[in-house]
Protein backbone atom coordinates (compact mmCIF):
# COMPACT_ATOMS: atom_id res chain seq x y z
CA MET A 1 143.01 75.29 64.34
CA PRO A 2 140.20 75.84 66.88
CA MET A 3 141.02 78.08 69.81
CA ILE A 4 141.07 76.41 73.25
CA SER A 5 138.84 78.34 75.62
CA ARG A 6 140.22 79.75 78.84
CA ARG A 7 137.60 77.78 80.75
CA ALA A 8 138.97 74.52 79.33
CA LEU A 9 142.51 75.48 80.35
CA VAL A 10 141.66 76.03 84.02
CA PRO A 11 141.41 72.33 85.03
CA PHE A 12 144.54 71.51 83.02
CA SER A 13 146.49 74.35 84.65
CA ALA A 14 145.37 73.28 88.12
CA LEU A 15 146.43 69.68 87.42
CA ALA A 16 149.81 70.79 86.08
CA LEU A 17 150.46 73.05 89.08
CA GLY A 18 149.38 70.29 91.46
CA SER A 19 151.79 67.84 89.81
CA VAL A 20 154.66 70.33 90.06
CA ALA A 21 153.86 70.99 93.74
CA LEU A 22 153.72 67.25 94.49
CA GLY A 23 157.01 66.66 92.70
CA ALA A 24 158.63 69.52 94.61
CA ALA A 25 157.34 68.15 97.92
CA VAL A 26 158.73 64.68 97.19
CA TYR A 27 162.07 66.19 96.14
CA VAL A 28 162.34 68.36 99.27
CA THR A 29 161.35 65.43 101.51
CA PHE A 30 163.62 62.82 99.98
CA ALA A 31 166.55 64.69 98.39
CA LEU A 32 169.70 63.33 99.92
CA PRO A 33 172.56 65.65 100.85
CA GLY A 34 174.98 63.29 99.09
CA ALA A 35 175.50 59.62 98.35
CA GLY A 36 176.41 57.67 101.45
CA HIS A 37 175.94 60.66 103.76
CA SER A 38 173.41 61.09 106.52
CA GLY A 39 171.53 64.28 107.18
CA PRO A 40 168.09 65.78 107.63
CA GLY A 41 167.04 64.61 104.16
CA ALA A 42 168.40 61.05 104.51
CA VAL A 43 165.97 58.15 104.21
CA GLY A 44 166.54 54.63 105.50
CA GLY A 45 168.93 53.18 108.02
CA PRO A 46 169.58 50.23 110.31
CA PHE A 47 166.65 48.15 111.55
CA SER A 48 166.00 44.75 113.09
CA LEU A 49 162.56 43.18 112.67
CA THR A 50 160.92 39.74 112.64
CA GLY A 51 160.01 38.15 109.32
CA THR A 52 157.02 36.01 108.44
CA ASP A 53 159.20 32.90 108.85
CA GLY A 54 160.16 33.85 112.42
CA ARG A 55 163.67 34.87 111.36
CA ASN A 56 165.25 38.13 112.43
CA TYR A 57 165.90 40.45 109.47
CA SER A 58 167.97 43.58 109.29
CA ASP A 59 168.81 46.09 106.58
CA LYS A 60 172.12 44.26 106.12
CA ASP A 61 170.35 41.11 104.86
CA LEU A 62 169.80 42.71 101.46
CA LEU A 63 173.07 44.58 101.06
CA GLY A 64 174.55 43.85 97.65
CA ARG A 65 171.21 43.98 95.86
CA PRO A 66 168.53 46.64 95.47
CA PHE A 67 165.20 46.30 97.25
CA LEU A 68 161.82 47.96 97.64
CA VAL A 69 160.31 48.97 100.98
CA PHE A 70 156.59 49.53 101.51
CA PHE A 71 154.86 50.31 104.81
CA GLY A 72 151.29 49.15 105.44
CA PHE A 73 149.07 46.89 107.53
CA THR A 74 147.11 43.70 106.96
CA HIS A 75 143.70 45.23 107.76
CA CYS A 76 144.19 47.84 105.00
CA PRO A 77 141.10 47.73 102.75
CA ASP A 78 142.52 49.01 99.45
CA VAL A 79 145.85 50.84 99.12
CA CYS A 80 148.04 48.12 100.65
CA PRO A 81 146.71 45.09 98.76
CA THR A 82 146.68 47.09 95.52
CA THR A 83 150.30 48.19 96.00
CA LEU A 84 151.43 44.68 96.95
CA PHE A 85 149.73 43.31 93.84
CA GLU A 86 151.49 45.92 91.69
CA ILE A 87 154.87 45.11 93.28
CA SER A 88 154.19 41.41 92.68
CA GLU A 89 153.44 42.07 89.01
CA VAL A 90 156.70 44.00 88.60
CA LEU A 91 158.72 41.26 90.32
CA ARG A 92 157.04 38.63 88.14
CA ARG A 93 158.02 40.58 85.00
CA MET A 94 161.63 40.62 86.24
CA GLY A 95 161.69 36.82 86.28
CA PRO A 96 162.34 34.23 89.00
CA GLU A 97 166.12 34.69 88.85
CA SER A 98 165.99 38.41 89.59
CA LYS A 99 167.87 39.59 92.68
CA MET A 100 165.28 42.28 93.37
CA ALA A 101 163.40 41.84 96.65
CA ALA A 102 160.88 43.79 98.71
CA PHE A 103 160.11 44.40 102.37
CA TYR A 104 156.53 44.96 103.54
CA ILE A 105 156.84 46.56 106.98
CA SER A 106 153.81 46.73 109.24
CA VAL A 107 152.78 50.02 110.83
CA ASP A 108 150.32 48.06 113.01
CA PRO A 109 152.43 45.80 115.27
CA GLU A 110 149.49 45.39 117.65
CA ARG A 111 147.66 43.17 115.14
CA ASP A 112 150.31 42.22 112.58
CA THR A 113 152.19 39.32 114.11
CA PRO A 114 154.55 37.35 111.85
CA GLY A 115 151.88 34.63 111.52
CA VAL A 116 149.19 37.10 110.48
CA MET A 117 151.52 38.69 107.95
CA LYS A 118 152.51 35.29 106.56
CA ASP A 119 148.86 34.42 105.85
CA TYR A 120 148.23 37.86 104.37
CA LEU A 121 151.22 37.80 102.03
CA ALA A 122 150.50 34.27 100.75
CA SER A 123 148.57 35.83 97.85
CA PHE A 124 151.53 37.91 96.66
CA ASP A 125 155.01 37.31 95.23
CA PRO A 126 157.12 35.25 97.68
CA ARG A 127 159.99 37.72 97.30
CA ILE A 128 157.97 40.21 99.36
CA ILE A 129 159.20 39.70 102.92
CA GLY A 130 156.74 40.73 105.61
CA LEU A 131 158.30 42.32 108.69
CA SER A 132 156.92 43.30 112.07
CA GLY A 133 158.24 43.88 115.57
CA SER A 134 157.62 45.62 118.84
CA PRO A 135 156.04 49.10 118.82
CA GLU A 136 159.48 50.51 119.65
CA GLN A 137 161.14 48.68 116.74
CA ILE A 138 158.43 49.79 114.32
CA ALA A 139 158.68 53.39 115.56
CA ALA A 140 162.44 53.34 114.95
CA VAL A 141 162.20 52.06 111.37
CA MET A 142 159.35 54.48 110.61
CA LYS A 143 161.52 57.33 111.84
CA ALA A 144 164.46 56.14 109.72
CA TYR A 145 162.27 56.04 106.60
CA ARG A 146 160.40 59.25 107.49
CA VAL A 147 157.08 57.40 107.51
CA TYR A 148 153.90 58.87 108.94
CA ALA A 149 151.35 56.53 110.56
CA ARG A 150 148.46 57.21 112.90
CA LYS A 151 145.79 55.02 114.46
CA VAL A 152 142.28 56.15 113.48
CA PRO A 153 139.46 54.89 115.75
CA LEU A 154 136.37 53.34 114.14
CA GLU A 155 132.92 52.65 115.49
CA GLY A 156 132.66 49.58 117.70
CA GLY A 157 136.15 49.95 119.16
CA ASP A 158 138.02 48.89 116.02
CA TYR A 159 140.58 51.05 114.25
CA THR A 160 142.36 51.60 110.97
CA MET A 161 145.74 53.13 110.16
CA ASP A 162 146.42 56.29 108.21
CA HIS A 163 149.94 56.00 106.80
CA THR A 164 152.50 56.97 104.18
CA ALA A 165 151.93 54.88 101.05
CA LEU A 166 155.15 55.48 99.11
CA VAL A 167 157.26 52.64 97.75
CA TYR A 168 160.92 53.28 98.60
CA LEU A 169 163.61 52.08 96.18
CA MET A 170 166.88 51.35 97.99
CA ASP A 171 170.05 50.71 96.02
CA LYS A 172 172.46 47.80 96.49
CA HIS A 173 174.35 49.79 99.14
CA GLY A 174 171.21 50.29 101.22
CA ASN A 175 170.91 53.96 100.27
CA PHE A 176 167.64 55.57 99.25
CA ALA A 177 167.50 55.90 95.45
CA ARG A 178 164.02 57.38 95.00
CA ALA A 179 160.32 56.93 95.56
CA PHE A 180 159.42 54.23 93.03
CA ASN A 181 156.62 54.90 90.57
CA LEU A 182 154.16 52.01 90.23
CA GLN A 183 151.75 54.09 88.14
CA GLN A 184 153.22 52.72 84.94
CA PRO A 185 152.99 49.41 83.08
CA PRO A 186 154.68 46.57 85.02
CA GLU A 187 157.02 45.88 82.09
CA GLN A 188 158.30 49.46 82.14
CA ALA A 189 158.68 49.43 85.94
CA ALA A 190 160.62 46.16 85.71
CA ARG A 191 162.96 47.66 83.13
CA GLU A 192 163.63 50.63 85.40
CA LEU A 193 164.41 48.40 88.37
CA THR A 194 166.81 46.36 86.25
CA LEU A 195 169.01 49.45 85.99
CA TYR A 196 169.70 49.20 89.74
CA LEU A 197 170.79 45.54 89.72
């Protein structure tokens, strides 16, 4: 067998170490102290926000079934629409009768009114519920989910948002299960989600 040169192993080793470091960071950030307990590692909690249909939604509306939570904004050029498309594909693979749902929570309440979010989400699976609210309400839910978001000024007075782009999987009791991996075939992701139903 041909010998693999040390030079060829360097990029592989760096990638492997980077993956381990990323996995450790996610574990340290999201590891819960125990099921149903709160603590410094807990993710999620009560919230009350306005949906795209004008209804008030809270975390209690989906108790009894698992759900996904993704934070973003409608002016996002790439990550948000790509993630919403991937979530839509997974939900579609689960079938129309699936109890799985998803919340898309805006980190940009200044621009993302319920009407704006309704138009934006029209291209995605209808089980993705868009939510927005006052800056104070959004700040509270971001804190509960340990989400980072920051306004980044652009030329001409416009701005974009730098934000956490994880997809949170919450179990049927409203507890954080794990950060959900969408970097896999939709069929495989759908099978994984079925385990939480």
